Amino acid sequence: TSGEMRLSNFLLWQAAYSEFVFLPCLWPDFD
């Protein structure tokens, strides 16, 4: 969320073939 487009040290090994969706909404608005 929040429009950031990076992994930020999250699940680097496990995300080798993950799909990514980047949302502009801030986390408190994620419903």
PDB file of all heavy atoms in Angstrom:
ATOM      1  N   THR A   1       0.827  -1.199   0.000  1.00  0.00           N
ATOM      2  CA  THR A   1       0.000   0.000   0.000  1.00  0.00           C
ATOM      3  C   THR A   1       0.867   1.257   0.000  1.00  0.00           C
ATOM      4  O   THR A   1       2.086   1.200   0.086  1.00  0.00           O
ATOM      5  CB  THR A   1      -0.918   0.007   1.229  1.00  0.00           C
ATOM      6  OG1 THR A   1      -0.121  -0.097   2.418  1.00  0.00           O
ATOM      7  CG2 THR A   1      -1.893  -1.154   1.189  1.00  0.00           C
ATOM      8  N   SER A   2       0.196   2.396  -0.106  1.00  0.00           N
ATOM      9  CA  SER A   2       0.744   3.758   0.020  1.00  0.00           C
ATOM     10  C   SER A   2       1.565   4.210  -1.171  1.00  0.00           C
ATOM     11  O   SER A   2       2.268   5.211  -1.102  1.00  0.00           O
ATOM     12  CB  SER A   2       1.564   3.922   1.311  1.00  0.00           C
ATOM     13  OG  SER A   2       2.888   3.444   1.158  1.00  0.00           O
ATOM     14  N   GLY A   3       1.492   3.479  -2.273  1.00  0.00           N
ATOM     15  CA  GLY A   3       2.178   3.908  -3.479  1.00  0.00           C
ATOM     16  C   GLY A   3       3.653   3.563  -3.540  1.00  0.00           C
ATOM     17  O   GLY A   3       4.317   3.862  -4.536  1.00  0.00           O
ATOM     18  N   GLU A   4       4.203   2.948  -2.495  1.00  0.00           N
ATOM     19  CA  GLU A   4       5.608   2.534  -2.523  1.00  0.00           C
ATOM     20  C   GLU A   4       5.763   1.336  -3.460  1.00  0.00           C
ATOM     21  O   GLU A   4       4.917   0.445  -3.480  1.00  0.00           O
ATOM     22  CB  GLU A   4       6.089   2.162  -1.118  1.00  0.00           C
ATOM     23  CG  GLU A   4       5.937   3.271  -0.082  1.00  0.00           C
ATOM     24  CD  GLU A   4       6.882   4.428  -0.320  1.00  0.00           C
ATOM     25  OE1 GLU A   4       7.705   4.347  -1.260  1.00  0.00           O
ATOM     26  OE2 GLU A   4       6.799   5.427   0.416  1.00  0.00           O
ATOM     27  N   MET A   5       6.854   1.298  -4.211  1.00  0.00           N
ATOM     28  CA  MET A   5       7.060   0.229  -5.193  1.00  0.00           C
ATOM     29  C   MET A   5       8.391  -0.457  -4.957  1.00  0.00           C
ATOM     30  O   MET A   5       9.286  -0.452  -5.805  1.00  0.00           O
ATOM     31  CB  MET A   5       6.966   0.788  -6.616  1.00  0.00           C
ATOM     32  CG  MET A   5       5.597   1.333  -6.947  1.00  0.00           C
ATOM     33  SD  MET A   5       5.450   1.827  -8.677  1.00  0.00           S
ATOM     34  CE  MET A   5       3.764   2.459  -8.700  1.00  0.00           C
ATOM     35  N   ARG A   6       8.540  -1.026  -3.795  1.00  0.00           N
ATOM     36  CA  ARG A   6       9.747  -1.773  -3.455  1.00  0.00           C
ATOM     37  C   ARG A   6       9.390  -2.838  -2.424  1.00  0.00           C
ATOM     38  O   ARG A   6       8.367  -2.753  -1.757  1.00  0.00           O
ATOM     39  CB  ARG A   6      10.831  -0.841  -2.918  1.00  0.00           C
ATOM     40  CG  ARG A   6      10.413  -0.038  -1.695  1.00  0.00           C
ATOM     41  CD  ARG A   6      11.540   0.865  -1.195  1.00  0.00           C
ATOM     42  NE  ARG A   6      11.141   1.583   0.004  1.00  0.00           N
ATOM     43  CZ  ARG A   6      10.528   2.759   0.013  1.00  0.00           C
ATOM     44  NH1 ARG A   6      10.238   3.360  -1.132  1.00  0.00           N
ATOM     45  NH2 ARG A   6      10.197   3.344   1.150  1.00  0.00           N
ATOM     46  N   LEU A   7      10.277  -3.827  -2.271  1.00  0.00           N
ATOM     47  CA  LEU A   7      10.032  -4.927  -1.333  1.00  0.00           C
ATOM     48  C   LEU A   7      10.413  -4.582   0.104  1.00  0.00           C
ATOM     49  O   LEU A   7       9.886  -5.168   1.046  1.00  0.00           O
ATOM     50  CB  LEU A   7      10.799  -6.169  -1.776  1.00  0.00           C
ATOM     51  CG  LEU A   7      10.057  -7.115  -2.716  1.00  0.00           C
ATOM     52  CD1 LEU A   7      10.967  -8.245  -3.161  1.00  0.00           C
ATOM     53  CD2 LEU A   7       8.817  -7.685  -2.040  1.00  0.00           C
ATOM     54  N   SER A   8      11.380  -3.698   0.274  1.00  0.00           N
ATOM     55  CA  SER A   8      11.787  -3.277   1.619  1.00  0.00           C
ATOM     56  C   SER A   8      12.155  -4.463   2.513  1.00  0.00           C
ATOM     57  O   SER A   8      11.684  -4.576   3.648  1.00  0.00           O
ATOM     58  CB  SER A   8      10.699  -2.420   2.276  1.00  0.00           C
ATOM     59  OG  SER A   8      10.525  -1.209   1.578  1.00  0.00           O
ATOM     60  N   ASN A   9      12.973  -5.363   1.965  1.00  0.00           N
ATOM     61  CA  ASN A   9      13.521  -6.465   2.762  1.00  0.00           C
ATOM     62  C   ASN A   9      12.438  -7.441   3.238  1.00  0.00           C
ATOM     63  O   ASN A   9      12.534  -8.004   4.326  1.00  0.00           O
ATOM     64  CB  ASN A   9      14.301  -5.918   3.967  1.00  0.00           C
ATOM     65  CG  ASN A   9      15.372  -6.883   4.455  1.00  0.00           C
ATOM     66  OD1 ASN A   9      15.766  -7.817   3.765  1.00  0.00           O
ATOM     67  ND2 ASN A   9      15.839  -6.656   5.665  1.00  0.00           N
ATOM     68  N   PHE A  10      11.434  -7.654   2.407  1.00  0.00           N
ATOM     69  CA  PHE A  10      10.322  -8.537   2.751  1.00  0.00           C
ATOM     70  C   PHE A  10      10.299  -9.758   1.833  1.00  0.00           C
ATOM     71  O   PHE A  10      10.164  -9.630   0.612  1.00  0.00           O
ATOM     72  CB  PHE A  10       9.005  -7.767   2.620  1.00  0.00           C
ATOM     73  CG  PHE A  10       7.768  -8.572   2.942  1.00  0.00           C
ATOM     74  CD1 PHE A  10       7.598  -9.147   4.187  1.00  0.00           C
ATOM     75  CD2 PHE A  10       6.767  -8.737   1.999  1.00  0.00           C
ATOM     76  CE1 PHE A  10       6.455  -9.875   4.493  1.00  0.00           C
ATOM     77  CE2 PHE A  10       5.615  -9.459   2.292  1.00  0.00           C
ATOM     78  CZ  PHE A  10       5.467 -10.027   3.537  1.00  0.00           C
ATOM     79  N   LEU A  11      10.480 -10.942   2.391  1.00  0.00           N
ATOM     80  CA  LEU A  11      10.330 -12.215   1.674  1.00  0.00           C
ATOM     81  C   LEU A  11      11.106 -12.241   0.354  1.00  0.00           C
ATOM     82  O   LEU A  11      10.585 -12.667  -0.681  1.00  0.00           O
ATOM     83  CB  LEU A  11       8.844 -12.508   1.416  1.00  0.00           C
ATOM     84  CG  LEU A  11       7.947 -12.676   2.642  1.00  0.00           C
ATOM     85  CD1 LEU A  11       6.509 -12.938   2.211  1.00  0.00           C
ATOM     86  CD2 LEU A  11       8.430 -13.797   3.543  1.00  0.00           C
ATOM     87  N   LEU A  12      12.360 -11.812   0.401  1.00  0.00           N
ATOM     88  CA  LEU A  12      13.155 -11.739  -0.823  1.00  0.00           C
ATOM     89  C   LEU A  12      13.317 -13.108  -1.476  1.00  0.00           C
ATOM     90  O   LEU A  12      13.227 -13.234  -2.706  1.00  0.00           O
ATOM     91  CB  LEU A  12      14.535 -11.141  -0.504  1.00  0.00           C
ATOM     92  CG  LEU A  12      14.545  -9.717   0.042  1.00  0.00           C
ATOM     93  CD1 LEU A  12      15.980  -9.290   0.340  1.00  0.00           C
ATOM     94  CD2 LEU A  12      13.894  -8.749  -0.935  1.00  0.00           C
ATOM     95  N   TRP A  13      13.572 -14.125  -0.700  1.00  0.00           N
ATOM     96  CA  TRP A  13      13.748 -15.483  -1.221  1.00  0.00           C
ATOM     97  C   TRP A  13      12.428 -16.024  -1.755  1.00  0.00           C
ATOM     98  O   TRP A  13      12.359 -16.587  -2.845  1.00  0.00           O
ATOM     99  CB  TRP A  13      14.307 -16.383  -0.123  1.00  0.00           C
ATOM    100  CG  TRP A  13      14.356 -17.833  -0.458  1.00  0.00           C
ATOM    101  CD1 TRP A  13      13.397 -18.780  -0.191  1.00  0.00           C
ATOM    102  CD2 TRP A  13      15.411 -18.535  -1.128  1.00  0.00           C
ATOM    103  NE1 TRP A  13      13.789 -20.019  -0.640  1.00  0.00           N
ATOM    104  CE2 TRP A  13      15.026 -19.890  -1.223  1.00  0.00           C
ATOM    105  CE3 TRP A  13      16.646 -18.152  -1.647  1.00  0.00           C
ATOM    106  CZ2 TRP A  13      15.817 -20.858  -1.820  1.00  0.00           C
ATOM    107  CZ3 TRP A  13      17.445 -19.109  -2.246  1.00  0.00           C
ATOM    108  CH2 TRP A  13      17.030 -20.447  -2.331  1.00  0.00           C
ATOM    109  N   GLN A  14      11.375 -15.844  -0.983  1.00  0.00           N
ATOM    110  CA  GLN A  14      10.089 -16.462  -1.295  1.00  0.00           C
ATOM    111  C   GLN A  14       9.356 -15.769  -2.445  1.00  0.00           C
ATOM    112  O   GLN A  14       8.459 -16.354  -3.053  1.00  0.00           O
ATOM    113  CB  GLN A  14       9.196 -16.447  -0.045  1.00  0.00           C
ATOM    114  CG  GLN A  14       9.749 -17.229   1.127  1.00  0.00           C
ATOM    115  CD  GLN A  14      10.699 -16.409   1.993  1.00  0.00           C
ATOM    116  OE1 GLN A  14      11.163 -15.337   1.609  1.00  0.00           O
ATOM    117  NE2 GLN A  14      10.998 -16.917   3.182  1.00  0.00           N
ATOM    118  N   ALA A  15       9.726 -14.530  -2.749  1.00  0.00           N
ATOM    119  CA  ALA A  15       8.984 -13.745  -3.739  1.00  0.00           C
ATOM    120  C   ALA A  15       9.501 -13.923  -5.162  1.00  0.00           C
ATOM    121  O   ALA A  15       9.130 -13.155  -6.049  1.00  0.00           O
ATOM    122  CB  ALA A  15       9.029 -12.268  -3.368  1.00  0.00           C
ATOM    123  N   ALA A  16      10.314 -14.948  -5.402  1.00  0.00           N
ATOM    124  CA  ALA A  16      10.954 -15.117  -6.707  1.00  0.00           C
ATOM    125  C   ALA A  16       9.953 -15.106  -7.858  1.00  0.00           C
ATOM    126  O   ALA A  16      10.221 -14.545  -8.926  1.00  0.00           O
ATOM    127  CB  ALA A  16      11.759 -16.416  -6.730  1.00  0.00           C
ATOM    128  N   TYR A  17       8.769 -15.705  -7.667  1.00  0.00           N
ATOM    129  CA  TYR A  17       7.767 -15.758  -8.724  1.00  0.00           C
ATOM    130  C   TYR A  17       6.422 -15.198  -8.272  1.00  0.00           C
ATOM    131  O   TYR A  17       5.376 -15.512  -8.848  1.00  0.00           O
ATOM    132  CB  TYR A  17       7.600 -17.188  -9.235  1.00  0.00           C
ATOM    133  CG  TYR A  17       8.709 -17.603 -10.169  1.00  0.00           C
ATOM    134  CD1 TYR A  17       9.758 -18.390  -9.723  1.00  0.00           C
ATOM    135  CD2 TYR A  17       8.725 -17.160 -11.496  1.00  0.00           C
ATOM    136  CE1 TYR A  17      10.804 -18.749 -10.566  1.00  0.00           C
ATOM    137  CE2 TYR A  17       9.758 -17.519 -12.347  1.00  0.00           C
ATOM    138  CZ  TYR A  17      10.792 -18.312 -11.879  1.00  0.00           C
ATOM    139  OH  TYR A  17      11.820 -18.658 -12.727  1.00  0.00           O
ATOM    140  N   SER A  18       6.441 -14.357  -7.251  1.00  0.00           N
ATOM    141  CA  SER A  18       5.202 -13.733  -6.798  1.00  0.00           C
ATOM    142  C   SER A  18       4.751 -12.660  -7.771  1.00  0.00           C
ATOM    143  O   SER A  18       5.563 -12.020  -8.439  1.00  0.00           O
ATOM    144  CB  SER A  18       5.397 -13.097  -5.411  1.00  0.00           C
ATOM    145  OG  SER A  18       5.766 -14.053  -4.446  1.00  0.00           O
ATOM    146  N   GLU A  19       3.458 -12.444  -7.826  1.00  0.00           N
ATOM    147  CA  GLU A  19       2.898 -11.291  -8.526  1.00  0.00           C
ATOM    148  C   GLU A  19       2.818 -10.124  -7.543  1.00  0.00           C
ATOM    149  O   GLU A  19       2.617 -10.326  -6.345  1.00  0.00           O
ATOM    150  CB  GLU A  19       1.505 -11.609  -9.070  1.00  0.00           C
ATOM    151  CG  GLU A  19       1.486 -12.684 -10.136  1.00  0.00           C
ATOM    152  CD  GLU A  19       2.153 -12.242 -11.428  1.00  0.00           C
ATOM    153  OE1 GLU A  19       2.035 -11.048 -11.777  1.00  0.00           O
ATOM    154  OE2 GLU A  19       2.804 -13.085 -12.077  1.00  0.00           O
ATOM    155  N   PHE A  20       2.966  -8.908  -8.047  1.00  0.00           N
ATOM    156  CA  PHE A  20       2.942  -7.725  -7.202  1.00  0.00           C
ATOM    157  C   PHE A  20       1.798  -6.804  -7.607  1.00  0.00           C
ATOM    158  O   PHE A  20       1.542  -6.603  -8.798  1.00  0.00           O
ATOM    159  CB  PHE A  20       4.263  -6.952  -7.310  1.00  0.00           C
ATOM    160  CG  PHE A  20       5.438  -7.679  -6.726  1.00  0.00           C
ATOM    161  CD1 PHE A  20       6.097  -8.661  -7.446  1.00  0.00           C
ATOM    162  CD2 PHE A  20       5.877  -7.401  -5.444  1.00  0.00           C
ATOM    163  CE1 PHE A  20       7.167  -9.346  -6.920  1.00  0.00           C
ATOM    164  CE2 PHE A  20       6.952  -8.084  -4.905  1.00  0.00           C
ATOM    165  CZ  PHE A  20       7.598  -9.052  -5.630  1.00  0.00           C
ATOM    166  N   VAL A  21       1.126  -6.257  -6.600  1.00  0.00           N
ATOM    167  CA  VAL A  21       0.137  -5.215  -6.817  1.00  0.00           C
ATOM    168  C   VAL A  21       0.479  -4.065  -5.879  1.00  0.00           C
ATOM    169  O   VAL A  21       0.564  -4.254  -4.661  1.00  0.00           O
ATOM    170  CB  VAL A  21      -1.304  -5.715  -6.547  1.00  0.00           C
ATOM    171  CG1 VAL A  21      -2.283  -4.544  -6.556  1.00  0.00           C
ATOM    172  CG2 VAL A  21      -1.714  -6.744  -7.585  1.00  0.00           C
ATOM    173  N   PHE A  22       0.709  -2.899  -6.451  1.00  0.00           N
ATOM    174  CA  PHE A  22       1.035  -1.711  -5.669  1.00  0.00           C
ATOM    175  C   PHE A  22      -0.178  -0.790  -5.669  1.00  0.00           C
ATOM    176  O   PHE A  22      -0.684  -0.408  -6.733  1.00  0.00           O
ATOM    177  CB  PHE A  22       2.251  -0.999  -6.263  1.00  0.00           C
ATOM    178  CG  PHE A  22       3.482  -1.853  -6.286  1.00  0.00           C
ATOM    179  CD1 PHE A  22       3.910  -2.452  -7.467  1.00  0.00           C
ATOM    180  CD2 PHE A  22       4.219  -2.080  -5.134  1.00  0.00           C
ATOM    181  CE1 PHE A  22       5.046  -3.241  -7.497  1.00  0.00           C
ATOM    182  CE2 PHE A  22       5.354  -2.876  -5.148  1.00  0.00           C
ATOM    183  CZ  PHE A  22       5.767  -3.463  -6.331  1.00  0.00           C
ATOM    184  N   LEU A  23      -0.651  -0.461  -4.477  1.00  0.00           N
ATOM    185  CA  LEU A  23      -1.857   0.341  -4.343  1.00  0.00           C
ATOM    186  C   LEU A  23      -1.529   1.742  -3.828  1.00  0.00           C
ATOM    187  O   LEU A  23      -0.662   1.903  -2.961  1.00  0.00           O
ATOM    188  CB  LEU A  23      -2.833  -0.329  -3.378  1.00  0.00           C
ATOM    189  CG  LEU A  23      -3.316  -1.737  -3.756  1.00  0.00           C
ATOM    190  CD1 LEU A  23      -4.217  -2.286  -2.660  1.00  0.00           C
ATOM    191  CD2 LEU A  23      -4.051  -1.705  -5.091  1.00  0.00           C
ATOM    192  N   PRO A  24      -2.224   2.758  -4.307  1.00  0.00           N
ATOM    193  CA  PRO A  24      -1.962   4.113  -3.825  1.00  0.00           C
ATOM    194  C   PRO A  24      -2.526   4.388  -2.438  1.00  0.00           C
ATOM    195  O   PRO A  24      -2.081   5.319  -1.749  1.00  0.00           O
ATOM    196  CB  PRO A  24      -2.650   4.997  -4.876  1.00  0.00           C
ATOM    197  CG  PRO A  24      -3.751   4.129  -5.422  1.00  0.00           C
ATOM    198  CD  PRO A  24      -3.203   2.738  -5.412  1.00  0.00           C
ATOM    199  N   CYS A  25      -3.506   3.601  -1.989  1.00  0.00           N
ATOM    200  CA  CYS A  25      -4.147   3.882  -0.708  1.00  0.00           C
ATOM    201  C   CYS A  25      -3.197   3.591   0.451  1.00  0.00           C
ATOM    202  O   CYS A  25      -2.351   2.704   0.381  1.00  0.00           O
ATOM    203  CB  CYS A  25      -5.435   3.067  -0.556  1.00  0.00           C
ATOM    204  SG  CYS A  25      -5.194   1.286  -0.346  1.00  0.00           S
ATOM    205  N   LEU A  26      -3.326   4.376   1.506  1.00  0.00           N
ATOM    206  CA  LEU A  26      -2.560   4.145   2.715  1.00  0.00           C
ATOM    207  C   LEU A  26      -3.181   2.983   3.487  1.00  0.00           C
ATOM    208  O   LEU A  26      -4.382   2.724   3.385  1.00  0.00           O
ATOM    209  CB  LEU A  26      -2.526   5.415   3.570  1.00  0.00           C
ATOM    210  CG  LEU A  26      -1.962   6.657   2.871  1.00  0.00           C
ATOM    211  CD1 LEU A  26      -2.088   7.888   3.768  1.00  0.00           C
ATOM    212  CD2 LEU A  26      -0.515   6.450   2.449  1.00  0.00           C
ATOM    213  N   TRP A  27      -2.356   2.280   4.285  1.00  0.00           N
ATOM    214  CA  TRP A  27      -2.833   1.051   4.916  1.00  0.00           C
ATOM    215  C   TRP A  27      -4.122   1.218   5.716  1.00  0.00           C
ATOM    216  O   TRP A  27      -5.017   0.366   5.636  1.00  0.00           O
ATOM    217  CB  TRP A  27      -1.747   0.421   5.784  1.00  0.00           C
ATOM    218  CG  TRP A  27      -2.254  -0.777   6.526  1.00  0.00           C
ATOM    219  CD1 TRP A  27      -2.494  -0.889   7.856  1.00  0.00           C
ATOM    220  CD2 TRP A  27      -2.643  -2.034   5.953  1.00  0.00           C
ATOM    221  NE1 TRP A  27      -3.006  -2.135   8.157  1.00  0.00           N
ATOM    222  CE2 TRP A  27      -3.105  -2.860   7.005  1.00  0.00           C
ATOM    223  CE3 TRP A  27      -2.640  -2.540   4.644  1.00  0.00           C
ATOM    224  CZ2 TRP A  27      -3.554  -4.148   6.798  1.00  0.00           C
ATOM    225  CZ3 TRP A  27      -3.097  -3.833   4.432  1.00  0.00           C
ATOM    226  CH2 TRP A  27      -3.540  -4.622   5.501  1.00  0.00           C
ATOM    227  N   PRO A  28      -4.306   2.277   6.511  1.00  0.00           N
ATOM    228  CA  PRO A  28      -5.563   2.391   7.263  1.00  0.00           C
ATOM    229  C   PRO A  28      -6.801   2.432   6.367  1.00  0.00           C
ATOM    230  O   PRO A  28      -7.913   2.160   6.842  1.00  0.00           O
ATOM    231  CB  PRO A  28      -5.395   3.707   8.034  1.00  0.00           C
ATOM    232  CG  PRO A  28      -3.917   3.835   8.214  1.00  0.00           C
ATOM    233  CD  PRO A  28      -3.342   3.324   6.915  1.00  0.00           C
ATOM    234  N   ASP A  29      -6.640   2.771   5.086  1.00  0.00           N
ATOM    235  CA  ASP A  29      -7.761   2.800   4.146  1.00  0.00           C
ATOM    236  C   ASP A  29      -7.898   1.500   3.358  1.00  0.00           C
ATOM    237  O   ASP A  29      -8.786   1.396   2.499  1.00  0.00           O
ATOM    238  CB  ASP A  29      -7.594   3.964   3.165  1.00  0.00           C
ATOM    239  CG  ASP A  29      -7.693   5.318   3.851  1.00  0.00           C
ATOM    240  OD1 ASP A  29      -8.490   5.443   4.800  1.00  0.00           O
ATOM    241  OD2 ASP A  29      -6.967   6.246   3.443  1.00  0.00           O
ATOM    242  N   PHE A  30      -7.032   0.528   3.640  1.00  0.00           N
ATOM    243  CA  PHE A  30      -7.099  -0.755   2.932  1.00  0.00           C
ATOM    244  C   PHE A  30      -8.262  -1.560   3.509  1.00  0.00           C
ATOM    245  O   PHE A  30      -8.208  -2.064   4.626  1.00  0.00           O
ATOM    246  CB  PHE A  30      -5.782  -1.522   3.090  1.00  0.00           C
ATOM    247  CG  PHE A  30      -5.731  -2.821   2.324  1.00  0.00           C
ATOM    248  CD1 PHE A  30      -5.396  -2.842   0.981  1.00  0.00           C
ATOM    249  CD2 PHE A  30      -6.020  -4.031   2.945  1.00  0.00           C
ATOM    250  CE1 PHE A  30      -5.341  -4.035   0.270  1.00  0.00           C
ATOM    251  CE2 PHE A  30      -5.966  -5.226   2.250  1.00  0.00           C
ATOM    252  CZ  PHE A  30      -5.627  -5.229   0.908  1.00  0.00           C
ATOM    253  N   ASP A  31      -9.317  -1.680   2.728  1.00  0.00           N
ATOM    254  CA  ASP A  31     -10.522  -2.361   3.182  1.00  0.00           C
ATOM    255  C   ASP A  31     -10.837  -3.546   2.270  1.00  0.00           C
ATOM    256  O   ASP A  31     -10.033  -3.911   1.404  1.00  0.00           O
ATOM    257  CB  ASP A  31     -11.701  -1.386   3.239  1.00  0.00           C
ATOM    258  CG  ASP A  31     -11.949  -0.680   1.895  1.00  0.00           C
ATOM    259  OD1 ASP A  31     -11.353  -1.109   0.878  1.00  0.00           O
ATOM    260  OD2 ASP A  31     -12.727   0.283   1.868  1.00  0.00           O
TER     261      ASP A  31
END
